[in-house]
Amino acid sequence: MVTVTPNPRRWWALAALVASMLTLGFDTTILNVALPTMAADLGATTGQQQWMADSYVVVFAALMLPAGLLGDRFGRRLMLIVGLGIFLTGSLAGALAGDVTWVIAARALMGVGAALVTPLALSVLPTLFAADEQPKATAIVTAASALGLPLGPIIGGWLLNHFWWGSVFLVNVPMAAIGIAACVVLLPETRDPASPEVDTVSTALTATGLGALVYAIIEAPTRGWGDPLVLAMFVAAVALVTALVLRERRVERPMLDMALLAHRGFLFNTIAATLVMFVLSGLLFVLPPYLQAVLGNDALGTGLRLLPMMGGLLVASRTAPQATVRFGARATVGAGLAVLAFAALLGSRTTVDSGYGFTALWLSITGLGFGFSLMPAMGGALGALPRDRAGSGSGLLMTLRQVGGAVGIALLGSLLSATFQDRLDVTGLPAGAADTAGDSVVAAHIVAEQAHSAHLAASANSAYVHGMGLVLLVCGAAALVSALLAAVFLPGTQAAPEGVSLPEPPEMAAEQADARQ
């Protein structure tokens, strides 16, 4: 019998991974609180703001599957270092960008780096930790990624109050540099030479299919849902994704491993995590302009007013694991989604005169629902992965999560934009000023200030809050449907890593045992 000696530096290595995941987590949302400032400084429309947020998420989602395979094949530590280097370069480019186009390009480059880091940070865990320590290590990394989401607006708000908007990019540079140094010193190199080669055609189908879908959703409110270009993009997205699935089903070792989706624990936990990200990403996109433009808070005040969500998330992160053990994953995830649905539906009752106290209440409940649904769902999905598919499997999970986030920003942001433009009263304004005011609630307030029109400012606030209410209604309905799906289809108990239908090859077990020695 082979005695496995745990890697003595494994917890320090885990700390490096946590720092990297925390950075990527808050960078997913740090731009949200900066968007009102950037809209004013760069003249960005609502659609351009959606692209600034979504360019990162779309590239992140599209490249995560091939990134996991690159790590499996050429070395996970090497690809982690490369990913952090690309992320650092994109952050520098964003800090120095002078217009909206360059900001979008820099965010896309950062998405390339993030796509390399995220699945590989998860896939190195089986080679660092024995089976009895893996659930704890996975929970810590997952919690770091989740905690970064509400941290982003707070960090971004503080930076914007003291520096220019480029500081929300520059803050990533030292964090990425520390991550690179930690990976070099602390992480052992691991790989799976038997992993499939990166399929460039499948990668291209993923990127173009998702890009076409997001483009159509973002452009539809401006061009119209019946516009030929919008319809063509929707058709192209369906065709490209269908071609991807059909291609992957024919190859022996696919990049998109459909066998994993046949495992109920992986499939429905992944669906739950994806729908949670749909709700959360849309909410974090529409909320900062409300806090900043409608309620009149500065950037730091906006970030701090998102703290109740983080408080609820922290409470959930401490109690969700115990609840999963005691009541099972199905009950915990289903209850978390039901709480998230209640919070969104409660938030949809917000009015211009509600004040911050009411917002803080439903934000706290949102954090609880987010923590109780996402973390157990992620743990259940990762626990169902065969260990020899660690890179590609975790890449598939994170890809679908990011797709949920990208579609959430695009769809819910477009719903908000269309509702705002429809209800904004621009009577008496010149045509140019009226078009500018319809770009965003921030632009409307700037036009109102220049025109000395209290009526326009009040109309902008009312139109935005109405649109935000509709967005939250959709979020609540999506969370409620997710809760029903979880209650019906999720396994009652959390799947153990050994309890998967795809057996682990003996040579892989021996290789991983050697890697831990």
Protein backbone atom coordinates (compact mmCIF):
# COMPACT_ATOMS: atom_id res chain seq x y z
CA MET A 1 0.00 0.00 0.00
CA VAL A 2 1.38 3.41 -1.00
CA THR A 3 1.58 5.97 1.80
CA VAL A 4 0.68 9.45 0.54
CA THR A 5 2.66 12.26 2.18
CA PRO A 6 0.69 15.51 2.06
CA ASN A 7 2.43 18.43 0.39
CA PRO A 8 3.82 20.45 3.34
CA ARG A 9 3.21 23.74 1.52
CA ARG A 10 -0.33 22.93 0.43
CA TRP A 11 -2.08 25.47 2.69
CA TRP A 12 0.30 28.25 1.63
CA ALA A 13 -0.39 27.27 -1.97
CA LEU A 14 -4.11 27.41 -1.21
CA ALA A 15 -3.63 30.94 0.15
CA ALA A 16 -2.09 31.95 -3.20
CA LEU A 17 -5.04 30.46 -5.06
CA VAL A 18 -7.48 32.25 -2.74
CA ALA A 19 -5.77 35.59 -3.41
CA SER A 20 -6.02 34.99 -7.17
CA MET A 21 -9.70 33.96 -7.02
CA LEU A 22 -10.55 36.89 -4.76
CA THR A 23 -9.00 39.29 -7.28
CA LEU A 24 -10.92 37.74 -10.17
CA GLY A 25 -14.09 37.73 -8.10
CA PHE A 26 -14.06 41.40 -7.24
CA ASP A 27 -12.92 42.34 -10.74
CA THR A 28 -16.13 40.81 -12.08
CA THR A 29 -18.11 43.51 -10.24
CA ILE A 30 -15.62 46.31 -9.42
CA LEU A 31 -16.45 48.04 -12.71
CA ASN A 32 -20.14 48.26 -11.83
CA VAL A 33 -19.67 51.04 -9.29
CA ALA A 34 -17.32 52.84 -11.71
CA LEU A 35 -19.76 52.76 -14.64
CA PRO A 36 -21.69 55.91 -13.63
CA THR A 37 -18.40 57.84 -13.31
CA MET A 38 -17.07 56.41 -16.58
CA ALA A 39 -20.38 57.15 -18.31
CA ALA A 40 -19.96 60.81 -17.35
CA ASP A 41 -16.22 61.05 -18.14
CA LEU A 42 -16.21 58.99 -21.35
CA GLY A 43 -19.77 59.68 -22.54
CA ALA A 44 -20.68 55.97 -22.53
CA THR A 45 -24.23 54.96 -23.38
CA THR A 46 -26.06 52.19 -21.51
CA GLY A 47 -25.20 49.78 -24.34
CA GLN A 48 -21.51 50.71 -24.15
CA GLN A 49 -21.58 50.27 -20.37
CA GLN A 50 -23.05 46.78 -20.91
CA TRP A 51 -20.18 45.97 -23.27
CA MET A 52 -17.60 47.26 -20.76
CA ALA A 53 -19.03 44.82 -18.24
CA ASP A 54 -19.80 41.99 -20.67
CA SER A 55 -16.61 41.98 -22.79
CA TYR A 56 -14.79 40.58 -19.76
CA VAL A 57 -17.48 38.04 -18.95
CA VAL A 58 -18.03 36.86 -22.55
CA VAL A 59 -14.32 36.20 -23.20
CA PHE A 60 -14.02 34.68 -19.71
CA ALA A 61 -16.83 32.23 -20.47
CA ALA A 62 -15.81 31.44 -24.06
CA LEU A 63 -12.20 30.55 -23.26
CA MET A 64 -12.58 28.70 -19.97
CA LEU A 65 -13.04 25.25 -21.55
CA PRO A 66 -9.89 25.36 -23.69
CA ALA A 67 -8.03 26.98 -20.79
CA GLY A 68 -8.75 23.99 -18.56
CA LEU A 69 -7.43 21.65 -21.25
CA LEU A 70 -4.30 23.76 -21.78
CA GLY A 71 -3.50 23.40 -18.09
CA ASP A 72 -4.15 19.67 -18.12
CA ARG A 73 -1.90 19.21 -21.15
CA PHE A 74 0.97 21.71 -20.71
CA GLY A 75 1.06 22.25 -16.95
CA ARG A 76 -1.41 23.87 -14.59
CA ARG A 77 1.13 26.01 -12.75
CA LEU A 78 2.55 27.31 -16.06
CA MET A 79 -0.88 28.25 -17.37
CA LEU A 80 -1.83 29.88 -14.06
CA ILE A 81 1.27 32.08 -14.30
CA VAL A 82 0.54 32.90 -17.96
CA GLY A 83 -3.08 33.72 -17.09
CA LEU A 84 -2.12 36.04 -14.25
CA GLY A 85 0.43 37.73 -16.54
CA ILE A 86 -2.21 38.36 -19.21
CA PHE A 87 -4.61 39.63 -16.55
CA LEU A 88 -1.93 42.03 -15.27
CA THR A 89 -1.26 43.33 -18.80
CA GLY A 90 -4.96 43.89 -19.47
CA SER A 91 -5.31 45.75 -16.18
CA LEU A 92 -2.47 48.11 -17.13
CA ALA A 93 -4.06 48.69 -20.54
CA GLY A 94 -7.41 49.49 -18.91
CA ALA A 95 -5.83 52.00 -16.52
CA LEU A 96 -4.22 53.83 -19.45
CA ALA A 97 -7.25 53.65 -21.81
CA GLY A 98 -8.51 56.96 -23.13
CA ASP A 99 -11.88 56.03 -24.63
CA VAL A 100 -14.68 53.47 -24.41
CA THR A 101 -13.31 51.24 -27.19
CA TRP A 102 -9.97 50.78 -25.46
CA VAL A 103 -11.66 50.08 -22.14
CA ILE A 104 -13.74 47.33 -23.77
CA ALA A 105 -10.60 45.88 -25.43
CA ALA A 106 -8.69 45.92 -22.13
CA ARG A 107 -11.54 44.18 -20.33
CA ALA A 108 -11.61 41.52 -23.03
CA LEU A 109 -7.86 40.91 -22.57
CA MET A 110 -8.39 40.61 -18.82
CA GLY A 111 -11.08 38.02 -19.58
CA VAL A 112 -8.47 35.91 -21.40
CA GLY A 113 -6.28 35.88 -18.29
CA ALA A 114 -9.19 35.17 -15.98
CA ALA A 115 -10.29 32.25 -18.17
CA LEU A 116 -6.89 30.62 -17.68
CA VAL A 117 -6.77 31.18 -13.93
CA THR A 118 -10.24 30.14 -12.77
CA PRO A 119 -10.58 26.48 -13.86
CA LEU A 120 -6.93 25.75 -13.13
CA ALA A 121 -7.12 27.13 -9.60
CA LEU A 122 -9.79 24.49 -8.96
CA SER A 123 -8.18 21.66 -10.91
CA VAL A 124 -4.87 21.77 -8.97
CA LEU A 125 -6.65 20.99 -5.70
CA PRO A 126 -6.80 17.18 -6.19
CA THR A 127 -3.01 17.11 -6.61
CA LEU A 128 -2.40 19.22 -3.49
CA PHE A 129 -4.88 17.70 -1.06
CA ALA A 130 -5.86 14.19 -0.06
CA ALA A 131 -9.51 13.15 -0.50
CA ASP A 132 -10.46 13.99 3.10
CA GLU A 133 -9.12 17.57 2.78
CA GLN A 134 -10.43 18.34 -0.69
CA PRO A 135 -13.98 19.40 0.29
CA LYS A 136 -12.60 21.98 2.73
CA ALA A 137 -10.07 23.31 0.19
CA THR A 138 -12.73 23.49 -2.54
CA ALA A 139 -15.11 25.34 -0.21
CA ILE A 140 -12.41 27.89 0.66
CA VAL A 141 -11.55 28.62 -2.98
CA THR A 142 -15.24 28.80 -3.96
CA ALA A 143 -16.00 31.13 -1.04
CA ALA A 144 -13.09 33.39 -2.05
CA SER A 145 -14.52 33.70 -5.56
CA ALA A 146 -18.01 34.40 -4.19
CA LEU A 147 -16.84 36.91 -1.57
CA GLY A 148 -15.00 38.85 -4.25
CA LEU A 149 -18.28 39.73 -5.98
CA PRO A 150 -19.69 42.03 -3.27
CA LEU A 151 -16.17 43.27 -2.38
CA GLY A 152 -15.72 44.72 -5.88
CA PRO A 153 -18.09 47.70 -5.56
CA ILE A 154 -16.70 48.58 -2.12
CA ILE A 155 -13.07 48.56 -3.27
CA GLY A 156 -14.05 50.37 -6.47
CA GLY A 157 -15.99 53.02 -4.56
CA TRP A 158 -13.05 53.79 -2.27
CA LEU A 159 -10.67 54.04 -5.21
CA LEU A 160 -13.00 56.35 -7.16
CA ASN A 161 -13.34 58.67 -4.19
CA HIS A 162 -9.55 59.05 -3.98
CA PHE A 163 -8.29 58.51 -7.53
CA TRP A 164 -9.44 58.54 -11.17
CA TRP A 165 -11.55 55.76 -12.69
CA GLY A 166 -8.46 53.98 -14.07
CA SER A 167 -7.54 53.02 -10.51
CA VAL A 168 -10.18 50.24 -10.61
CA PHE A 169 -7.91 48.58 -13.18
CA LEU A 170 -4.60 49.50 -11.58
CA VAL A 171 -5.49 47.84 -8.26
CA ASN A 172 -5.22 44.46 -9.99
CA VAL A 173 -1.54 44.89 -10.86
CA PRO A 174 0.01 44.26 -7.40
CA MET A 175 -2.51 41.49 -6.67
CA ALA A 176 -1.68 39.69 -9.92
CA ALA A 177 2.06 40.15 -9.34
CA ILE A 178 1.76 38.60 -5.87
CA GLY A 179 -0.22 35.72 -7.35
CA ILE A 180 2.46 35.07 -9.97
CA ALA A 181 5.22 35.03 -7.33
CA ALA A 182 3.20 32.71 -5.09
CA CYS A 183 2.53 30.28 -7.96
CA VAL A 184 6.23 30.17 -8.85
CA VAL A 185 7.33 29.50 -5.27
CA LEU A 186 4.51 27.44 -3.78
CA LEU A 187 2.68 25.45 -6.45
CA PRO A 188 3.98 22.13 -7.80
CA GLU A 189 3.65 21.57 -11.55
CA THR A 190 0.95 19.05 -12.50
CA ARG A 191 -0.49 17.93 -15.83
CA ASP A 192 -2.57 15.21 -17.46
CA PRO A 193 -0.80 14.21 -20.70
CA ALA A 194 -3.81 12.06 -21.64
CA SER A 195 -6.14 15.07 -21.82
CA PRO A 196 -7.64 15.89 -25.23
CA GLU A 197 -5.97 18.46 -27.45
CA VAL A 198 -7.45 21.95 -27.55
CA ASP A 199 -9.97 22.01 -30.40
CA THR A 200 -9.62 25.39 -32.12
CA VAL A 201 -12.85 24.91 -34.11
CA SER A 202 -14.87 24.20 -30.94
CA THR A 203 -13.21 27.15 -29.22
CA ALA A 204 -14.16 29.42 -32.13
CA LEU A 205 -17.75 28.12 -32.11
CA THR A 206 -18.02 28.80 -28.37
CA ALA A 207 -16.64 32.35 -28.59
CA THR A 208 -18.62 33.40 -31.68
CA GLY A 209 -21.85 31.75 -30.53
CA LEU A 210 -21.80 33.43 -27.14
CA GLY A 211 -20.62 36.73 -28.62
CA ALA A 212 -23.45 36.73 -31.18
CA LEU A 213 -26.03 36.02 -28.46
CA VAL A 214 -24.80 38.81 -26.17
CA TYR A 215 -24.52 41.27 -29.09
CA ALA A 216 -28.12 40.60 -30.13
CA ILE A 217 -29.46 41.05 -26.59
CA ILE A 218 -27.53 44.28 -25.97
CA GLU A 219 -28.36 45.87 -29.35
CA ALA A 220 -32.04 44.84 -29.43
CA PRO A 221 -33.40 47.74 -27.28
CA THR A 222 -31.69 50.30 -29.56
CA ARG A 223 -32.25 48.67 -32.96
CA GLY A 224 -35.50 46.87 -32.14
CA TRP A 225 -36.12 43.16 -31.54
CA GLY A 226 -37.31 42.76 -35.13
CA ASP A 227 -34.24 44.43 -36.64
CA PRO A 228 -32.67 42.19 -39.36
CA LEU A 229 -29.19 42.37 -37.79
CA VAL A 230 -30.51 41.46 -34.33
CA LEU A 231 -32.54 38.55 -35.73
CA ALA A 232 -29.53 37.39 -37.77
CA MET A 233 -27.36 37.41 -34.64
CA PHE A 234 -29.92 35.34 -32.71
CA VAL A 235 -30.10 32.82 -35.55
CA ALA A 236 -26.30 32.72 -35.80
CA ALA A 237 -25.98 32.14 -32.04
CA VAL A 238 -28.39 29.18 -32.14
CA ALA A 239 -26.66 27.71 -35.20
CA LEU A 240 -23.16 28.09 -33.74
CA VAL A 241 -24.05 26.58 -30.37
CA THR A 242 -25.89 23.70 -32.07
CA ALA A 243 -22.86 23.06 -34.27
CA LEU A 244 -20.65 23.07 -31.16
CA VAL A 245 -22.78 20.46 -29.38
CA LEU A 246 -23.02 18.22 -32.45
CA ARG A 247 -19.27 18.43 -33.04
CA GLU A 248 -18.43 17.64 -29.41
CA ARG A 249 -20.71 14.59 -29.40
CA ARG A 250 -18.77 13.06 -32.30
CA VAL A 251 -15.19 13.30 -30.95
CA GLU A 252 -13.61 10.68 -28.69
CA ARG A 253 -12.23 13.08 -26.08
CA PRO A 254 -14.39 16.21 -26.34
CA MET A 255 -13.58 19.66 -25.01
CA LEU A 256 -17.24 20.00 -23.98
CA ASP A 257 -17.57 16.77 -22.02
CA MET A 258 -21.24 15.83 -22.47
CA ALA A 259 -20.74 12.71 -20.30
CA LEU A 260 -20.45 15.00 -17.28
CA LEU A 261 -23.86 16.50 -18.03
CA ALA A 262 -25.35 13.01 -17.86
CA HIS A 263 -24.49 12.93 -14.14
CA ARG A 264 -27.51 14.37 -12.33
CA GLY A 265 -25.54 15.84 -9.43
CA PHE A 266 -23.24 17.76 -11.76
CA LEU A 267 -25.96 18.86 -14.19
CA PHE A 268 -28.55 20.28 -11.80
CA ASN A 269 -26.03 21.82 -9.39
CA THR A 270 -24.49 23.55 -12.41
CA ILE A 271 -27.91 24.77 -13.60
CA ALA A 272 -28.60 26.17 -10.12
CA ALA A 273 -25.21 27.94 -9.98
CA THR A 274 -25.74 29.36 -13.49
CA LEU A 275 -29.16 30.80 -12.68
CA VAL A 276 -27.86 32.30 -9.43
CA MET A 277 -25.16 34.10 -11.43
CA PHE A 278 -27.81 35.29 -13.92
CA VAL A 279 -29.73 36.91 -11.07
CA LEU A 280 -26.71 38.29 -9.20
CA SER A 281 -24.92 39.74 -12.23
CA GLY A 282 -28.03 41.53 -13.43
CA LEU A 283 -28.73 42.88 -9.95
CA LEU A 284 -25.18 44.18 -9.45
CA PHE A 285 -25.35 45.88 -12.86
CA VAL A 286 -28.56 47.84 -12.20
CA LEU A 287 -28.11 48.64 -8.50
CA PRO A 288 -25.06 51.03 -8.46
CA PRO A 289 -26.70 53.66 -10.74
CA TYR A 290 -29.74 53.62 -8.43
CA LEU A 291 -27.60 54.18 -5.34
CA GLN A 292 -25.41 56.76 -7.06
CA ALA A 293 -27.64 58.70 -9.46
CA VAL A 294 -31.09 58.32 -7.86
CA LEU A 295 -30.17 58.36 -4.15
CA GLY A 296 -27.25 60.76 -4.67
CA ASN A 297 -24.39 58.83 -3.04
CA ASP A 298 -20.78 59.17 -4.11
CA ALA A 299 -18.79 56.17 -5.38
CA LEU A 300 -17.54 55.07 -1.96
CA GLY A 301 -20.97 55.56 -0.42
CA THR A 302 -22.43 53.39 -3.18
CA GLY A 303 -19.93 50.61 -2.48
CA LEU A 304 -20.49 50.77 1.28
CA ARG A 305 -24.24 50.57 0.78
CA LEU A 306 -23.74 47.17 -0.81
CA LEU A 307 -22.25 45.88 2.48
CA PRO A 308 -25.55 44.36 3.69
CA MET A 309 -25.32 41.90 0.80
CA MET A 310 -21.80 40.97 1.88
CA GLY A 311 -23.00 40.60 5.47
CA GLY A 312 -25.68 38.15 4.40
CA LEU A 313 -23.14 36.28 2.28
CA LEU A 314 -20.70 35.99 5.20
CA VAL A 315 -23.42 34.59 7.45
CA ALA A 316 -24.36 32.07 4.76
CA SER A 317 -20.72 31.07 4.18
CA ARG A 318 -20.42 30.10 7.85
CA THR A 319 -23.69 28.19 8.09
CA ALA A 320 -24.33 26.75 4.60
CA PRO A 321 -21.82 23.85 4.96
CA GLN A 322 -23.44 22.72 8.24
CA ALA A 323 -26.91 23.07 6.72
CA THR A 324 -25.84 20.95 3.73
CA VAL A 325 -24.54 18.21 6.03
CA ARG A 326 -27.65 18.26 8.21
CA PHE A 327 -30.43 18.75 5.65
CA GLY A 328 -28.81 17.71 2.37
CA ALA A 329 -27.78 19.66 -0.71
CA ARG A 330 -31.26 19.61 -2.27
CA ALA A 331 -32.94 21.28 0.70
CA THR A 332 -30.12 23.79 1.24
CA VAL A 333 -29.80 24.91 -2.39
CA GLY A 334 -33.58 24.98 -2.87
CA ALA A 335 -34.09 27.06 0.28
CA GLY A 336 -31.29 29.45 -0.75
CA LEU A 337 -32.89 30.00 -4.15
CA ALA A 338 -36.29 30.56 -2.55
CA VAL A 339 -34.75 33.19 -0.24
CA LEU A 340 -33.08 34.82 -3.26
CA ALA A 341 -36.44 34.90 -5.07
CA PHE A 342 -38.12 36.52 -2.04
CA ALA A 343 -35.37 39.16 -1.83
CA ALA A 344 -35.69 40.07 -5.52
CA LEU A 345 -39.48 40.25 -5.37
CA LEU A 346 -39.26 42.40 -2.24
CA GLY A 347 -36.73 44.66 -3.98
CA SER A 348 -39.07 45.07 -6.93
CA ARG A 349 -41.34 47.06 -4.59
CA THR A 350 -38.69 49.82 -4.32
CA THR A 351 -39.92 53.31 -5.16
CA VAL A 352 -38.16 56.65 -5.59
CA ASP A 353 -39.16 57.53 -2.02
CA SER A 354 -38.30 54.17 -0.40
CA GLY A 355 -34.95 55.34 0.96
CA TYR A 356 -31.88 53.26 1.68
CA GLY A 357 -33.24 51.38 4.71
CA PHE A 358 -35.60 49.32 2.57
CA THR A 359 -32.81 48.63 0.07
CA ALA A 360 -30.49 47.46 2.86
CA LEU A 361 -33.16 45.04 4.05
CA TRP A 362 -33.62 43.23 0.76
CA LEU A 363 -29.89 43.35 0.01
CA SER A 364 -29.20 41.48 3.28
CA ILE A 365 -31.72 38.81 2.32
CA THR A 366 -30.14 38.65 -1.17
CA GLY A 367 -26.73 37.89 0.37
CA LEU A 368 -28.22 35.07 2.45
CA GLY A 369 -29.95 33.53 -0.55
CA PHE A 370 -26.84 33.90 -2.70
CA GLY A 371 -24.61 32.17 -0.15
CA PHE A 372 -27.00 29.33 0.66
CA SER A 373 -27.60 28.55 -3.02
CA LEU A 374 -24.32 29.15 -4.86
CA MET A 375 -21.73 27.63 -2.52
CA PRO A 376 -23.49 24.28 -1.90
CA ALA A 377 -24.36 24.07 -5.62
CA MET A 378 -20.73 24.67 -6.60
CA GLY A 379 -19.53 22.16 -4.02
CA GLY A 380 -22.01 19.55 -5.22
CA ALA A 381 -21.06 20.01 -8.86
CA LEU A 382 -17.32 19.91 -8.18
CA GLY A 383 -17.75 16.90 -5.90
CA ALA A 384 -19.37 15.01 -8.77
CA LEU A 385 -16.41 15.54 -11.13
CA PRO A 386 -14.20 12.55 -11.99
CA ARG A 387 -10.68 13.38 -10.89
CA ASP A 388 -9.18 12.65 -14.32
CA ARG A 389 -11.46 15.31 -15.83
CA ALA A 390 -10.60 18.00 -13.27
CA GLY A 391 -9.52 20.69 -15.74
CA SER A 392 -12.19 20.22 -18.40
CA GLY A 393 -14.96 19.50 -15.88
CA SER A 394 -14.33 22.53 -13.67
CA GLY A 395 -13.89 24.57 -16.86
CA LEU A 396 -17.34 23.49 -18.06
CA LEU A 397 -18.89 24.38 -14.71
CA MET A 398 -17.28 27.83 -14.57
CA THR A 399 -18.06 28.44 -18.25
CA LEU A 400 -21.77 27.88 -17.72
CA ARG A 401 -21.67 30.07 -14.61
CA GLN A 402 -20.07 32.89 -16.57
CA VAL A 403 -22.55 32.43 -19.42
CA GLY A 404 -25.29 32.98 -16.85
CA GLY A 405 -23.57 36.17 -15.72
CA ALA A 406 -23.04 37.47 -19.26
CA VAL A 407 -26.63 36.80 -20.30
CA GLY A 408 -27.86 38.33 -17.02
CA ILE A 409 -26.02 41.60 -17.68
CA ALA A 410 -27.05 41.68 -21.34
CA LEU A 411 -30.71 40.69 -20.95
CA LEU A 412 -31.53 42.53 -17.73
CA GLY A 413 -29.48 45.58 -18.73
CA SER A 414 -31.35 45.71 -22.04
CA LEU A 415 -34.70 45.43 -20.27
CA LEU A 416 -33.70 48.32 -18.00
CA SER A 417 -32.47 50.43 -20.93
CA ALA A 418 -35.65 49.91 -22.97
CA THR A 419 -37.92 50.68 -20.00
CA PHE A 420 -35.93 53.77 -19.03
CA GLN A 421 -36.03 55.21 -22.55
CA ASP A 422 -39.74 54.47 -22.88
CA ARG A 423 -40.75 56.19 -19.62
CA LEU A 424 -38.30 59.14 -19.62
CA ASP A 425 -40.14 62.42 -20.27
CA VAL A 426 -37.96 64.58 -22.55
CA THR A 427 -40.75 66.96 -23.56
CA GLY A 428 -39.37 70.39 -24.50
CA LEU A 429 -35.76 69.26 -24.92
CA PRO A 430 -33.86 69.72 -28.20
CA ALA A 431 -33.50 66.47 -30.18
CA GLY A 432 -29.78 66.10 -29.39
CA ALA A 433 -30.26 66.65 -25.66
CA ALA A 434 -33.22 64.25 -25.61
CA ASP A 435 -31.14 61.51 -27.26
CA THR A 436 -28.31 62.07 -24.79
CA ALA A 437 -30.66 61.97 -21.80
CA GLY A 438 -32.02 58.62 -22.97
CA ASP A 439 -28.55 57.04 -22.94
CA SER A 440 -28.54 56.43 -19.17
CA VAL A 441 -29.81 57.82 -15.88
CA VAL A 442 -26.38 59.44 -15.35
CA ALA A 443 -26.59 61.17 -18.74
CA ALA A 444 -30.15 62.31 -17.97
CA HIS A 445 -28.99 63.93 -14.73
CA ILE A 446 -26.16 65.72 -16.54
CA VAL A 447 -28.60 67.07 -19.14
CA ALA A 448 -31.05 68.05 -16.38
CA GLU A 449 -28.32 69.98 -14.56
CA GLN A 450 -27.26 71.80 -17.72
CA ALA A 451 -30.88 72.61 -18.62
CA HIS A 452 -31.79 73.46 -15.00
CA SER A 453 -34.72 71.05 -15.32
CA ALA A 454 -35.87 69.54 -12.03
CA HIS A 455 -38.67 67.83 -13.95
CA LEU A 456 -36.20 65.89 -16.15
CA ALA A 457 -34.18 64.76 -13.11
CA ALA A 458 -37.35 63.58 -11.36
CA SER A 459 -38.53 61.81 -14.52
CA ALA A 460 -35.12 60.10 -14.87
CA ASN A 461 -35.27 58.85 -11.28
CA SER A 462 -38.82 57.57 -11.69
CA ALA A 463 -38.07 55.87 -15.02
CA TYR A 464 -34.93 54.19 -13.66
CA VAL A 465 -36.59 52.89 -10.50
CA HIS A 466 -39.47 51.52 -12.56
CA GLY A 467 -37.03 49.73 -14.87
CA MET A 468 -35.08 48.39 -11.89
CA GLY A 469 -38.33 47.04 -10.44
CA LEU A 470 -39.05 45.12 -13.65
CA VAL A 471 -35.49 43.71 -13.62
CA LEU A 472 -35.93 42.53 -10.04
CA LEU A 473 -39.28 40.92 -10.91
CA VAL A 474 -37.54 38.91 -13.65
CA CYS A 475 -34.75 38.01 -11.20
CA GLY A 476 -37.30 36.85 -8.64
CA ALA A 477 -39.13 34.72 -11.21
CA ALA A 478 -35.84 33.15 -12.38
CA ALA A 479 -34.79 32.36 -8.81
CA LEU A 480 -38.21 30.85 -8.05
CA VAL A 481 -38.04 28.58 -11.10
CA SER A 482 -34.51 27.58 -10.04
CA ALA A 483 -35.74 26.73 -6.55
CA LEU A 484 -38.43 24.44 -7.98
CA LEU A 485 -35.90 22.72 -10.25
CA ALA A 486 -33.55 22.21 -7.29
CA ALA A 487 -36.31 20.79 -5.10
CA VAL A 488 -37.34 18.28 -7.77
CA PHE A 489 -34.09 17.23 -9.43
CA LEU A 490 -31.11 17.78 -7.12
CA PRO A 491 -29.74 14.72 -5.28
CA GLY A 492 -30.75 14.70 -1.64
CA THR A 493 -27.18 14.44 -0.36
CA GLN A 494 -23.92 15.89 -1.58
CA ALA A 495 -22.08 13.64 -3.97
CA ALA A 496 -18.68 12.44 -2.86
CA PRO A 497 -15.81 12.70 -5.29
CA GLU A 498 -15.50 8.91 -5.36
CA GLY A 499 -19.17 8.37 -6.12
CA VAL A 500 -19.07 9.19 -9.80
CA SER A 501 -20.17 7.00 -12.64
CA LEU A 502 -16.96 7.50 -14.61
CA PRO A 503 -14.19 5.43 -12.99
CA GLU A 504 -10.76 6.84 -12.29
CA PRO A 505 -8.04 5.06 -14.28
CA PRO A 506 -5.43 3.36 -12.05
CA GLU A 507 -2.58 5.16 -13.81
CA MET A 508 -4.18 8.53 -13.02
CA ALA A 509 -4.53 7.63 -9.35
CA ALA A 510 -0.87 6.62 -9.23
CA GLU A 511 0.20 9.83 -10.99
CA GLN A 512 -1.75 12.00 -8.55
CA ALA A 513 -0.38 10.09 -5.57
CA ASP A 514 3.15 10.71 -6.86
CA ALA A 515 2.37 14.40 -7.36
CA ARG A 516 1.32 14.74 -3.71
CA GLN A 517 4.46 13.06 -2.39
